[in-house]
PDB file of N, CA and C in Angstrom:
ATOM      1  N   UNK A   1     -52.432  50.632   4.781  1.00  0.00           N
ATOM      2  CA  UNK A   1     -51.347  50.139   5.598  1.00  0.00           C
ATOM      3  C   UNK A   1     -51.738  50.164   7.073  1.00  0.00           C
ATOM      4  N   UNK A   2     -52.399  51.206   7.495  1.00  0.00           N
ATOM      5  CA  UNK A   2     -52.813  51.342   8.882  1.00  0.00           C
ATOM      6  C   UNK A   2     -53.839  50.283   9.251  1.00  0.00           C
ATOM      7  N   UNK A   3     -54.714  49.895   8.306  1.00  0.00           N
ATOM      8  CA  UNK A   3     -55.718  48.867   8.575  1.00  0.00           C
ATOM      9  C   UNK A   3     -55.051  47.518   8.833  1.00  0.00           C
ATOM     10  N   UNK A   4     -54.005  47.207   8.086  1.00  0.00           N
ATOM     11  CA  UNK A   4     -53.292  45.946   8.272  1.00  0.00           C
ATOM     12  C   UNK A   4     -52.631  45.911   9.647  1.00  0.00           C
ATOM     13  N   UNK A   5     -52.008  47.000  10.043  1.00  0.00           N
ATOM     14  CA  UNK A   5     -51.375  47.069  11.362  1.00  0.00           C
ATOM     15  C   UNK A   5     -52.418  46.906  12.457  1.00  0.00           C
ATOM     16  N   UNK A   6     -53.575  47.518  12.290  1.00  0.00           N
ATOM     17  CA  UNK A   6     -54.652  47.412  13.282  1.00  0.00           C
ATOM     18  C   UNK A   6     -55.175  45.982  13.360  1.00  0.00           C
ATOM     19  N   UNK A   7     -55.325  45.335  12.209  1.00  0.00           N
ATOM     20  CA  UNK A   7     -55.805  43.958  12.173  1.00  0.00           C
ATOM     21  C   UNK A   7     -54.798  43.020  12.834  1.00  0.00           C
ATOM     22  N   UNK A   8     -53.511  43.222  12.567  1.00  0.00           N
ATOM     23  CA  UNK A   8     -52.463  42.416  13.182  1.00  0.00           C
ATOM     24  C   UNK A   8     -52.445  42.605  14.687  1.00  0.00           C
ATOM     25  N   UNK A   9     -52.545  43.841  15.133  1.00  0.00           N
ATOM     26  CA  UNK A   9     -52.569  44.123  16.569  1.00  0.00           C
ATOM     27  C   UNK A   9     -53.764  43.441  17.217  1.00  0.00           C
ATOM     28  N   UNK A  10     -54.922  43.486  16.555  1.00  0.00           N
ATOM     29  CA  UNK A  10     -56.126  42.862  17.082  1.00  0.00           C
ATOM     30  C   UNK A  10     -55.939  41.353  17.229  1.00  0.00           C
ATOM     31  N   UNK A  11     -55.306  40.726  16.235  1.00  0.00           N
ATOM     32  CA  UNK A  11     -55.060  39.291  16.289  1.00  0.00           C
ATOM     33  C   UNK A  11     -54.194  38.926  17.484  1.00  0.00           C
ATOM     34  N   UNK A  12     -53.133  39.686  17.700  1.00  0.00           N
ATOM     35  CA  UNK A  12     -52.221  39.377  18.793  1.00  0.00           C
ATOM     36  C   UNK A  12     -52.823  39.679  20.159  1.00  0.00           C
ATOM     37  N   UNK A  13     -53.664  40.660  20.256  1.00  0.00           N
ATOM     38  CA  UNK A  13     -54.262  41.002  21.537  1.00  0.00           C
ATOM     39  C   UNK A  13     -55.399  40.068  21.905  1.00  0.00           C
ATOM     40  N   UNK A  14     -56.053  39.460  20.921  1.00  0.00           N
ATOM     41  CA  UNK A  14     -57.245  38.665  21.180  1.00  0.00           C
ATOM     42  C   UNK A  14     -57.029  37.166  21.036  1.00  0.00           C
ATOM     43  N   UNK A  15     -55.800  36.693  21.131  1.00  0.00           N
ATOM     44  CA  UNK A  15     -55.570  35.265  21.021  1.00  0.00           C
ATOM     45  C   UNK A  15     -56.087  34.563  22.265  1.00  0.00           C
ATOM     46  N   UNK A  16     -56.486  33.303  22.095  1.00  0.00           N
ATOM     47  CA  UNK A  16     -56.948  32.488  23.209  1.00  0.00           C
ATOM     48  C   UNK A  16     -55.845  31.497  23.569  1.00  0.00           C
ATOM     49  N   UNK A  17     -55.374  31.562  24.768  1.00  0.00           N
ATOM     50  CA  UNK A  17     -54.236  30.744  25.187  1.00  0.00           C
ATOM     51  C   UNK A  17     -54.544  29.266  25.008  1.00  0.00           C
ATOM     52  N   UNK A  18     -55.659  28.790  25.496  1.00  0.00           N
ATOM     53  CA  UNK A  18     -55.978  27.373  25.439  1.00  0.00           C
ATOM     54  C   UNK A  18     -56.173  26.882  24.009  1.00  0.00           C
ATOM     55  N   UNK A  19     -56.626  27.743  23.132  1.00  0.00           N
ATOM     56  CA  UNK A  19     -56.957  27.355  21.760  1.00  0.00           C
ATOM     57  C   UNK A  19     -55.805  27.585  20.781  1.00  0.00           C
ATOM     58  N   UNK A  20     -55.062  28.663  20.923  1.00  0.00           N
ATOM     59  CA  UNK A  20     -54.104  29.096  19.909  1.00  0.00           C
ATOM     60  C   UNK A  20     -52.642  28.797  20.222  1.00  0.00           C
ATOM     61  N   UNK A  21     -52.304  28.567  21.455  1.00  0.00           N
ATOM     62  CA  UNK A  21     -50.906  28.499  21.868  1.00  0.00           C
ATOM     63  C   UNK A  21     -50.388  27.064  21.853  1.00  0.00           C
ATOM     64  N   UNK A  22     -49.178  26.865  21.305  1.00  0.00           N
ATOM     65  CA  UNK A  22     -48.503  25.564  21.360  1.00  0.00           C
ATOM     66  C   UNK A  22     -47.837  25.374  22.713  1.00  0.00           C
ATOM     67  N   UNK A  23     -47.117  26.403  23.147  1.00  0.00           N
ATOM     68  CA  UNK A  23     -46.446  26.331  24.444  1.00  0.00           C
ATOM     69  C   UNK A  23     -46.159  27.735  24.940  1.00  0.00           C
ATOM     70  N   UNK A  24     -45.836  27.837  26.225  1.00  0.00           N
ATOM     71  CA  UNK A  24     -45.431  29.129  26.770  1.00  0.00           C
ATOM     72  C   UNK A  24     -44.268  28.943  27.723  1.00  0.00           C
ATOM     73  N   UNK A  25     -43.466  30.008  27.830  1.00  0.00           N
ATOM     74  CA  UNK A  25     -42.328  30.030  28.735  1.00  0.00           C
ATOM     75  C   UNK A  25     -42.518  31.175  29.716  1.00  0.00           C
ATOM     76  N   UNK A  26     -42.273  30.889  30.968  1.00  0.00           N
ATOM     77  CA  UNK A  26     -42.451  31.864  32.032  1.00  0.00           C
ATOM     78  C   UNK A  26     -41.125  32.564  32.279  1.00  0.00           C
ATOM     79  N   UNK A  27     -41.163  33.879  32.244  1.00  0.00           N
ATOM     80  CA  UNK A  27     -39.981  34.685  32.510  1.00  0.00           C
ATOM     81  C   UNK A  27     -40.092  35.355  33.863  1.00  0.00           C
ATOM     82  N   UNK A  28     -39.303  36.383  34.041  1.00  0.00           N
ATOM     83  CA  UNK A  28     -39.313  37.111  35.301  1.00  0.00           C
ATOM     84  C   UNK A  28     -40.443  38.127  35.350  1.00  0.00           C
ATOM     85  N   UNK A  29     -40.868  38.425  36.562  1.00  0.00           N
ATOM     86  CA  UNK A  29     -41.830  39.493  36.839  1.00  0.00           C
ATOM     87  C   UNK A  29     -43.136  39.350  36.081  1.00  0.00           C
ATOM     88  N   UNK A  30     -43.622  38.124  35.925  1.00  0.00           N
ATOM     89  CA  UNK A  30     -44.914  37.900  35.304  1.00  0.00           C
ATOM     90  C   UNK A  30     -44.925  38.010  33.795  1.00  0.00           C
ATOM     91  N   UNK A  31     -43.756  38.092  33.171  1.00  0.00           N
ATOM     92  CA  UNK A  31     -43.691  38.166  31.715  1.00  0.00           C
ATOM     93  C   UNK A  31     -43.673  36.744  31.161  1.00  0.00           C
ATOM     94  N   UNK A  32     -44.647  36.447  30.290  1.00  0.00           N
ATOM     95  CA  UNK A  32     -44.782  35.118  29.719  1.00  0.00           C
ATOM     96  C   UNK A  32     -44.665  35.236  28.202  1.00  0.00           C
ATOM     97  N   UNK A  33     -43.918  34.328  27.621  1.00  0.00           N
ATOM     98  CA  UNK A  33     -43.730  34.291  26.173  1.00  0.00           C
ATOM     99  C   UNK A  33     -44.598  33.167  25.618  1.00  0.00           C
ATOM    100  N   UNK A  34     -45.634  33.532  24.861  1.00  0.00           N
ATOM    101  CA  UNK A  34     -46.549  32.572  24.260  1.00  0.00           C
ATOM    102  C   UNK A  34     -46.105  32.285  22.832  1.00  0.00           C
ATOM    103  N   UNK A  35     -46.094  31.004  22.459  1.00  0.00           N
ATOM    104  CA  UNK A  35     -45.647  30.602  21.130  1.00  0.00           C
ATOM    105  C   UNK A  35     -46.766  29.848  20.430  1.00  0.00           C
ATOM    106  N   UNK A  36     -47.167  30.352  19.270  1.00  0.00           N
ATOM    107  CA  UNK A  36     -48.211  29.729  18.476  1.00  0.00           C
ATOM    108  C   UNK A  36     -47.691  29.319  17.125  1.00  0.00           C
ATOM    109  N   UNK A  37     -48.586  29.067  16.207  1.00  0.00           N
ATOM    110  CA  UNK A  37     -48.200  28.573  14.889  1.00  0.00           C
ATOM    111  C   UNK A  37     -47.304  29.542  14.139  1.00  0.00           C
ATOM    112  N   UNK A  38     -47.686  30.796  14.096  1.00  0.00           N
ATOM    113  CA  UNK A  38     -46.936  31.773  13.304  1.00  0.00           C
ATOM    114  C   UNK A  38     -46.522  32.998  14.101  1.00  0.00           C
ATOM    115  N   UNK A  39     -46.493  32.891  15.400  1.00  0.00           N
ATOM    116  CA  UNK A  39     -46.169  34.081  16.180  1.00  0.00           C
ATOM    117  C   UNK A  39     -45.632  33.726  17.556  1.00  0.00           C
ATOM    118  N   UNK A  40     -44.964  34.700  18.139  1.00  0.00           N
ATOM    119  CA  UNK A  40     -44.495  34.663  19.522  1.00  0.00           C
ATOM    120  C   UNK A  40     -44.938  35.963  20.157  1.00  0.00           C
ATOM    121  N   UNK A  41     -45.568  35.867  21.299  1.00  0.00           N
ATOM    122  CA  UNK A  41     -46.089  37.048  21.970  1.00  0.00           C
ATOM    123  C   UNK A  41     -45.592  37.063  23.408  1.00  0.00           C
ATOM    124  N   UNK A  42     -44.994  38.172  23.811  1.00  0.00           N
ATOM    125  CA  UNK A  42     -44.607  38.355  25.212  1.00  0.00           C
ATOM    126  C   UNK A  42     -45.662  39.230  25.857  1.00  0.00           C
ATOM    127  N   UNK A  43     -46.144  38.766  26.993  1.00  0.00           N
ATOM    128  CA  UNK A  43     -47.239  39.458  27.636  1.00  0.00           C
ATOM    129  C   UNK A  43     -47.116  39.315  29.146  1.00  0.00           C
ATOM    130  N   UNK A  44     -47.416  40.367  29.863  1.00  0.00           N
ATOM    131  CA  UNK A  44     -47.453  40.307  31.323  1.00  0.00           C
ATOM    132  C   UNK A  44     -48.801  39.753  31.754  1.00  0.00           C
ATOM    133  N   UNK A  45     -48.765  38.755  32.625  1.00  0.00           N
ATOM    134  CA  UNK A  45     -50.002  38.216  33.171  1.00  0.00           C
ATOM    135  C   UNK A  45     -49.857  38.114  34.683  1.00  0.00           C
ATOM    136  N   UNK A  46     -50.974  38.019  35.360  1.00  0.00           N
ATOM    137  CA  UNK A  46     -50.945  37.923  36.813  1.00  0.00           C
ATOM    138  C   UNK A  46     -50.581  36.492  37.235  1.00  0.00           C
ATOM    139  N   UNK A  47     -50.152  36.359  38.454  1.00  0.00           N
ATOM    140  CA  UNK A  47     -49.834  35.037  38.998  1.00  0.00           C
ATOM    141  C   UNK A  47     -51.079  34.155  39.006  1.00  0.00           C
ATOM    142  N   UNK A  48     -52.219  34.758  39.238  1.00  0.00           N
ATOM    143  CA  UNK A  48     -53.477  34.008  39.247  1.00  0.00           C
ATOM    144  C   UNK A  48     -53.786  33.446  37.854  1.00  0.00           C
ATOM    145  N   UNK A  49     -53.596  34.249  36.803  1.00  0.00           N
ATOM    146  CA  UNK A  49     -53.820  33.765  35.438  1.00  0.00           C
ATOM    147  C   UNK A  49     -52.875  32.622  35.113  1.00  0.00           C
ATOM    148  N   UNK A  50     -51.605  32.785  35.467  1.00  0.00           N
ATOM    149  CA  UNK A  50     -50.619  31.745  35.215  1.00  0.00           C
ATOM    150  C   UNK A  50     -50.990  30.457  35.945  1.00  0.00           C
ATOM    151  N   UNK A  51     -51.374  30.560  37.194  1.00  0.00           N
ATOM    152  CA  UNK A  51     -51.777  29.386  37.964  1.00  0.00           C
ATOM    153  C   UNK A  51     -53.006  28.715  37.366  1.00  0.00           C
ATOM    154  N   UNK A  52     -53.928  29.502  36.816  1.00  0.00           N
ATOM    155  CA  UNK A  52     -55.110  28.935  36.167  1.00  0.00           C
ATOM    156  C   UNK A  52     -54.721  28.107  34.944  1.00  0.00           C
ATOM    157  N   UNK A  53     -53.787  28.612  34.129  1.00  0.00           N
ATOM    158  CA  UNK A  53     -53.326  27.860  32.959  1.00  0.00           C
ATOM    159  C   UNK A  53     -52.672  26.553  33.385  1.00  0.00           C
ATOM    160  N   UNK A  54     -51.817  26.634  34.383  1.00  0.00           N
ATOM    161  CA  UNK A  54     -51.071  25.461  34.819  1.00  0.00           C
ATOM    162  C   UNK A  54     -51.981  24.439  35.498  1.00  0.00           C
ATOM    163  N   UNK A  55     -52.880  24.899  36.338  1.00  0.00           N
ATOM    164  CA  UNK A  55     -53.744  23.975  37.084  1.00  0.00           C
ATOM    165  C   UNK A  55     -54.879  23.408  36.247  1.00  0.00           C
ATOM    166  N   UNK A  56     -55.124  23.962  35.065  1.00  0.00           N
ATOM    167  CA  UNK A  56     -56.199  23.455  34.214  1.00  0.00           C
ATOM    168  C   UNK A  56     -55.935  22.038  33.732  1.00  0.00           C
ATOM    169  N   UNK A  57     -54.667  21.623  33.739  1.00  0.00           N
ATOM    170  CA  UNK A  57     -54.311  20.299  33.264  1.00  0.00           C
ATOM    171  C   UNK A  57     -54.061  20.242  31.772  1.00  0.00           C
ATOM    172  N   UNK A  58     -54.385  21.296  31.061  1.00  0.00           N
ATOM    173  CA  UNK A  58     -54.170  21.330  29.621  1.00  0.00           C
ATOM    174  C   UNK A  58     -52.713  21.578  29.277  1.00  0.00           C
ATOM    175  N   UNK A  59     -51.982  22.261  30.162  1.00  0.00           N
ATOM    176  CA  UNK A  59     -50.577  22.556  29.929  1.00  0.00           C
ATOM    177  C   UNK A  59     -49.720  21.662  30.805  1.00  0.00           C
ATOM    178  N   UNK A  60     -48.736  21.027  30.189  1.00  0.00           N
ATOM    179  CA  UNK A  60     -47.865  20.089  30.873  1.00  0.00           C
ATOM    180  C   UNK A  60     -46.468  20.689  30.983  1.00  0.00           C
ATOM    181  N   UNK A  61     -45.908  20.610  32.170  1.00  0.00           N
ATOM    182  CA  UNK A  61     -44.572  21.152  32.408  1.00  0.00           C
ATOM    183  C   UNK A  61     -43.528  20.241  31.770  1.00  0.00           C
ATOM    184  N   UNK A  62     -42.687  20.827  30.902  1.00  0.00           N
ATOM    185  CA  UNK A  62     -41.628  20.045  30.256  1.00  0.00           C
ATOM    186  C   UNK A  62     -40.240  20.479  30.693  1.00  0.00           C
ATOM    187  N   UNK A  63     -40.145  21.649  31.302  1.00  0.00           N
ATOM    188  CA  UNK A  63     -38.886  22.102  31.888  1.00  0.00           C
ATOM    189  C   UNK A  63     -39.225  23.093  32.988  1.00  0.00           C
ATOM    190  N   UNK A  64     -38.218  23.665  33.604  1.00  0.00           N
ATOM    191  CA  UNK A  64     -38.458  24.525  34.757  1.00  0.00           C
ATOM    192  C   UNK A  64     -39.344  25.728  34.444  1.00  0.00           C
ATOM    193  N   UNK A  65     -39.330  26.202  33.207  1.00  0.00           N
ATOM    194  CA  UNK A  65     -40.127  27.386  32.878  1.00  0.00           C
ATOM    195  C   UNK A  65     -40.961  27.220  31.621  1.00  0.00           C
ATOM    196  N   UNK A  66     -41.106  25.993  31.105  1.00  0.00           N
ATOM    197  CA  UNK A  66     -41.806  25.775  29.844  1.00  0.00           C
ATOM    198  C   UNK A  66     -42.961  24.790  30.021  1.00  0.00           C
ATOM    199  N   UNK A  67     -44.115  25.163  29.475  1.00  0.00           N
ATOM    200  CA  UNK A  67     -45.323  24.348  29.537  1.00  0.00           C
ATOM    201  C   UNK A  67     -45.878  24.186  28.132  1.00  0.00           C
ATOM    202  N   UNK A  68     -46.223  22.942  27.739  1.00  0.00           N
ATOM    203  CA  UNK A  68     -46.780  22.690  26.415  1.00  0.00           C
ATOM    204  C   UNK A  68     -48.281  22.451  26.513  1.00  0.00           C
ATOM    205  N   UNK A  69     -48.974  22.836  25.462  1.00  0.00           N
ATOM    206  CA  UNK A  69     -50.405  22.607  25.353  1.00  0.00           C
ATOM    207  C   UNK A  69     -50.604  21.158  24.911  1.00  0.00           C
ATOM    208  N   UNK A  70     -51.117  20.331  25.785  1.00  0.00           N
ATOM    209  CA  UNK A  70     -51.264  18.899  25.508  1.00  0.00           C
ATOM    210  C   UNK A  70     -52.142  18.642  24.293  1.00  0.00           C
ATOM    211  N   UNK A  71     -53.087  19.501  24.037  1.00  0.00           N
ATOM    212  CA  UNK A  71     -53.996  19.316  22.895  1.00  0.00           C
ATOM    213  C   UNK A  71     -53.341  19.640  21.559  1.00  0.00           C
ATOM    214  N   UNK A  72     -52.218  20.311  21.576  1.00  0.00           N
ATOM    215  CA  UNK A  72     -51.557  20.727  20.341  1.00  0.00           C
ATOM    216  C   UNK A  72     -50.347  19.875  19.977  1.00  0.00           C
ATOM    217  N   UNK A  73     -49.930  18.972  20.856  1.00  0.00           N
ATOM    218  CA  UNK A  73     -48.743  18.156  20.599  1.00  0.00           C
ATOM    219  C   UNK A  73     -49.074  17.101  19.550  1.00  0.00           C
ATOM    220  N   UNK A  74     -48.253  17.051  18.515  1.00  0.00           N
ATOM    221  CA  UNK A  74     -48.412  16.067  17.455  1.00  0.00           C
ATOM    222  C   UNK A  74     -47.604  14.809  17.752  1.00  0.00           C
ATOM    223  N   UNK A  75     -46.352  14.995  18.197  1.00  0.00           N
ATOM    224  CA  UNK A  75     -45.516  13.837  18.519  1.00  0.00           C
ATOM    225  C   UNK A  75     -44.407  14.233  19.494  1.00  0.00           C
ATOM    226  N   UNK A  76     -43.895  13.209  20.175  1.00  0.00           N
ATOM    227  CA  UNK A  76     -42.746  13.369  21.064  1.00  0.00           C
ATOM    228  C   UNK A  76     -41.771  12.268  20.692  1.00  0.00           C
ATOM    229  N   UNK A  77     -40.653  12.668  20.110  1.00  0.00           N
ATOM    230  CA  UNK A  77     -39.678  11.687  19.678  1.00  0.00           C
ATOM    231  C   UNK A  77     -38.310  12.321  19.506  1.00  0.00           C
ATOM    232  N   UNK A  78     -37.283  11.569  19.808  1.00  0.00           N
ATOM    233  CA  UNK A  78     -35.921  12.034  19.610  1.00  0.00           C
ATOM    234  C   UNK A  78     -35.559  13.298  20.360  1.00  0.00           C
ATOM    235  N   UNK A  79     -36.166  13.513  21.515  1.00  0.00           N
ATOM    236  CA  UNK A  79     -35.873  14.713  22.290  1.00  0.00           C
ATOM    237  C   UNK A  79     -36.572  15.954  21.783  1.00  0.00           C
ATOM    238  N   UNK A  80     -37.581  15.788  20.915  1.00  0.00           N
ATOM    239  CA  UNK A  80     -38.331  16.923  20.379  1.00  0.00           C
ATOM    240  C   UNK A  80     -39.821  16.727  20.592  1.00  0.00           C
ATOM    241  N   UNK A  81     -40.488  17.821  20.904  1.00  0.00           N
ATOM    242  CA  UNK A  81     -41.944  17.850  20.913  1.00  0.00           C
ATOM    243  C   UNK A  81     -42.340  18.636  19.673  1.00  0.00           C
ATOM    244  N   UNK A  82     -43.120  18.007  18.787  1.00  0.00           N
ATOM    245  CA  UNK A  82     -43.523  18.640  17.528  1.00  0.00           C
ATOM    246  C   UNK A  82     -45.001  19.013  17.600  1.00  0.00           C
ATOM    247  N   UNK A  83     -45.311  20.188  17.050  1.00  0.00           N
ATOM    248  CA  UNK A  83     -46.669  20.696  17.072  1.00  0.00           C
ATOM    249  C   UNK A  83     -47.311  20.768  15.687  1.00  0.00           C
ATOM    250  N   UNK A  84     -46.525  20.578  14.645  1.00  0.00           N
ATOM    251  CA  UNK A  84     -47.020  20.766  13.291  1.00  0.00           C
ATOM    252  C   UNK A  84     -46.356  19.747  12.384  1.00  0.00           C
ATOM    253  N   UNK A  85     -47.042  19.316  11.365  1.00  0.00           N
ATOM    254  CA  UNK A  85     -46.501  18.322  10.439  1.00  0.00           C
ATOM    255  C   UNK A  85     -45.316  18.840   9.627  1.00  0.00           C
ATOM    256  N   UNK A  86     -45.153  20.143   9.552  1.00  0.00           N
ATOM    257  CA  UNK A  86     -44.046  20.692   8.777  1.00  0.00           C
ATOM    258  C   UNK A  86     -42.699  20.400   9.436  1.00  0.00           C
ATOM    259  N   UNK A  87     -42.706  20.085  10.717  1.00  0.00           N
ATOM    260  CA  UNK A  87     -41.503  19.803  11.489  1.00  0.00           C
ATOM    261  C   UNK A  87     -40.461  20.914  11.365  1.00  0.00           C
ATOM    262  N   UNK A  88     -40.925  22.125  11.139  1.00  0.00           N
ATOM    263  CA  UNK A  88     -39.990  23.241  11.115  1.00  0.00           C
ATOM    264  C   UNK A  88     -39.520  23.503  12.539  1.00  0.00           C
ATOM    265  N   UNK A  89     -38.358  24.077  12.648  1.00  0.00           N
ATOM    266  CA  UNK A  89     -37.780  24.329  13.961  1.00  0.00           C
ATOM    267  C   UNK A  89     -38.645  25.262  14.798  1.00  0.00           C
ATOM    268  N   UNK A  90     -39.398  26.127  14.130  1.00  0.00           N
ATOM    269  CA  UNK A  90     -40.259  27.070  14.845  1.00  0.00           C
ATOM    270  C   UNK A  90     -41.426  26.366  15.521  1.00  0.00           C
ATOM    271  N   UNK A  91     -41.796  25.173  15.048  1.00  0.00           N
ATOM    272  CA  UNK A  91     -42.949  24.465  15.587  1.00  0.00           C
ATOM    273  C   UNK A  91     -42.565  23.233  16.393  1.00  0.00           C
ATOM    274  N   UNK A  92     -41.410  23.294  17.019  1.00  0.00           N
ATOM    275  CA  UNK A  92     -40.979  22.212  17.889  1.00  0.00           C
ATOM    276  C   UNK A  92     -40.080  22.758  18.999  1.00  0.00           C
ATOM    277  N   UNK A  93     -40.028  22.024  20.085  1.00  0.00           N
ATOM    278  CA  UNK A  93     -39.140  22.409  21.179  1.00  0.00           C
ATOM    279  C   UNK A  93     -38.359  21.183  21.640  1.00  0.00           C
ATOM    280  N   UNK A  94     -37.187  21.422  22.168  1.00  0.00           N
ATOM    281  CA  UNK A  94     -36.331  20.356  22.678  1.00  0.00           C
ATOM    282  C   UNK A  94     -36.714  20.042  24.115  1.00  0.00           C
ATOM    283  N   UNK A  95     -36.677  18.761  24.427  1.00  0.00           N
ATOM    284  CA  UNK A  95     -36.878  18.312  25.803  1.00  0.00           C
ATOM    285  C   UNK A  95     -35.779  17.303  26.108  1.00  0.00           C
ATOM    286  N   UNK A  96     -35.357  17.233  27.350  1.00  0.00           N
ATOM    287  CA  UNK A  96     -34.350  16.231  27.697  1.00  0.00           C
ATOM    288  C   UNK A  96     -34.895  14.822  27.445  1.00  0.00           C
ATOM    289  N   UNK A  97     -34.081  13.980  26.870  1.00  0.00           N
ATOM    290  CA  UNK A  97     -34.540  12.617  26.551  1.00  0.00           C
ATOM    291  C   UNK A  97     -34.946  11.853  27.801  1.00  0.00           C
ATOM    292  N   UNK A  98     -34.308  12.137  28.931  1.00  0.00           N
ATOM    293  CA  UNK A  98     -34.651  11.434  30.164  1.00  0.00           C
ATOM    294  C   UNK A  98     -36.041  11.822  30.672  1.00  0.00           C
ATOM    295  N   UNK A  99     -36.564  12.974  30.222  1.00  0.00           N
ATOM    296  CA  UNK A  99     -37.910  13.399  30.631  1.00  0.00           C
ATOM    297  C   UNK A  99     -38.970  12.981  29.624  1.00  0.00           C
ATOM    298  N   UNK A 100     -38.532  12.497  28.478  1.00  0.00           N
ATOM    299  CA  UNK A 100     -39.443  12.205  27.382  1.00  0.00           C
ATOM    300  C   UNK A 100     -40.528  11.185  27.748  1.00  0.00           C
ATOM    301  N   UNK A 101     -40.175  10.095  28.430  1.00  0.00           N
ATOM    302  CA  UNK A 101     -41.168   9.080  28.789  1.00  0.00           C
ATOM    303  C   UNK A 101     -42.207   9.618  29.760  1.00  0.00           C
ATOM    304  N   UNK A 102     -41.785  10.423  30.726  1.00  0.00           N
ATOM    305  CA  UNK A 102     -42.743  11.026  31.653  1.00  0.00           C
ATOM    306  C   UNK A 102     -43.708  11.955  30.944  1.00  0.00           C
ATOM    307  N   UNK A 103     -43.188  12.716  29.995  1.00  0.00           N
ATOM    308  CA  UNK A 103     -44.043  13.627  29.220  1.00  0.00           C
ATOM    309  C   UNK A 103     -45.025  12.833  28.376  1.00  0.00           C
ATOM    310  N   UNK A 104     -44.549  11.757  27.748  1.00  0.00           N
ATOM    311  CA  UNK A 104     -45.429  10.915  26.935  1.00  0.00           C
ATOM    312  C   UNK A 104     -46.573  10.345  27.764  1.00  0.00           C
ATOM    313  N   UNK A 105     -46.270   9.899  28.970  1.00  0.00           N
ATOM    314  CA  UNK A 105     -47.327   9.325  29.813  1.00  0.00           C
ATOM    315  C   UNK A 105     -48.335  10.388  30.227  1.00  0.00           C
ATOM    316  N   UNK A 106     -47.869  11.597  30.501  1.00  0.00           N
ATOM    317  CA  UNK A 106     -48.803  12.675  30.832  1.00  0.00           C
ATOM    318  C   UNK A 106     -49.669  13.026  29.630  1.00  0.00           C
ATOM    319  N   UNK A 107     -49.061  13.061  28.458  1.00  0.00           N
ATOM    320  CA  UNK A 107     -49.802  13.399  27.245  1.00  0.00           C
ATOM    321  C   UNK A 107     -50.807  12.319  26.870  1.00  0.00           C
ATOM    322  N   UNK A 108     -50.486  11.081  27.138  1.00  0.00           N
ATOM    323  CA  UNK A 108     -51.391   9.987  26.785  1.00  0.00           C
ATOM    324  C   UNK A 108     -52.718  10.085  27.550  1.00  0.00           C
ATOM    325  N   UNK A 109     -52.699  10.744  28.674  1.00  0.00           N
ATOM    326  CA  UNK A 109     -53.933  10.973  29.433  1.00  0.00           C
ATOM    327  C   UNK A 109     -54.843  11.953  28.709  1.00  0.00           C
ATOM    328  N   UNK A 110     -54.267  12.806  27.847  1.00  0.00           N
ATOM    329  CA  UNK A 110     -55.038  13.819  27.135  1.00  0.00           C
ATOM    330  C   UNK A 110     -55.516  13.342  25.772  1.00  0.00           C
ATOM    331  N   UNK A 111     -54.647  12.663  25.024  1.00  0.00           N
ATOM    332  CA  UNK A 111     -55.012  12.173  23.689  1.00  0.00           C
ATOM    333  C   UNK A 111     -53.940  11.209  23.221  1.00  0.00           C
ATOM    334  N   UNK A 112     -54.295  10.329  22.274  1.00  0.00           N
ATOM    335  CA  UNK A 112     -53.273   9.429  21.739  1.00  0.00           C
ATOM    336  C   UNK A 112     -52.290  10.190  20.843  1.00  0.00           C
ATOM    337  N   UNK A 113     -51.020   9.802  20.898  1.00  0.00           N
ATOM    338  CA  UNK A 113     -49.975  10.454  20.107  1.00  0.00           C
ATOM    339  C   UNK A 113     -49.465   9.512  19.030  1.00  0.00           C
ATOM    340  N   UNK A 114     -48.987  10.090  17.947  1.00  0.00           N
ATOM    341  CA  UNK A 114     -48.271   9.323  16.928  1.00  0.00           C
ATOM    342  C   UNK A 114     -46.805   9.329  17.319  1.00  0.00           C
ATOM    343  N   UNK A 115     -46.267   8.211  17.788  1.00  0.00           N
ATOM    344  CA  UNK A 115     -44.876   8.197  18.263  1.00  0.00           C
ATOM    345  C   UNK A 115     -44.065   7.226  17.490  1.00  0.00           C
TER     346      UNK A 115
END
């Protein structure tokens, strides 16, 4: 039992933001909530780390505190950004429909989307 807990802890501590994360939300005092395929991780990061993620161009701002990984977006339609073919609620986020076209144009610079 202890080995499983250690392995799980290792997985969560060693995730790669650019590779594993669908999107992240910025909270107060440097606390960021990272959302991946099967997990959500809250972690404190420095302002410099956050700025590096945002300025890399890989993460696109979809709301005041939410950034999506452009490489992980499967589709943008009906006010939803989907990250997985299962279309489960855990693997999608809502975006305002009025922002949808701007997000699509930003994403098209990264890769073609199925829309």
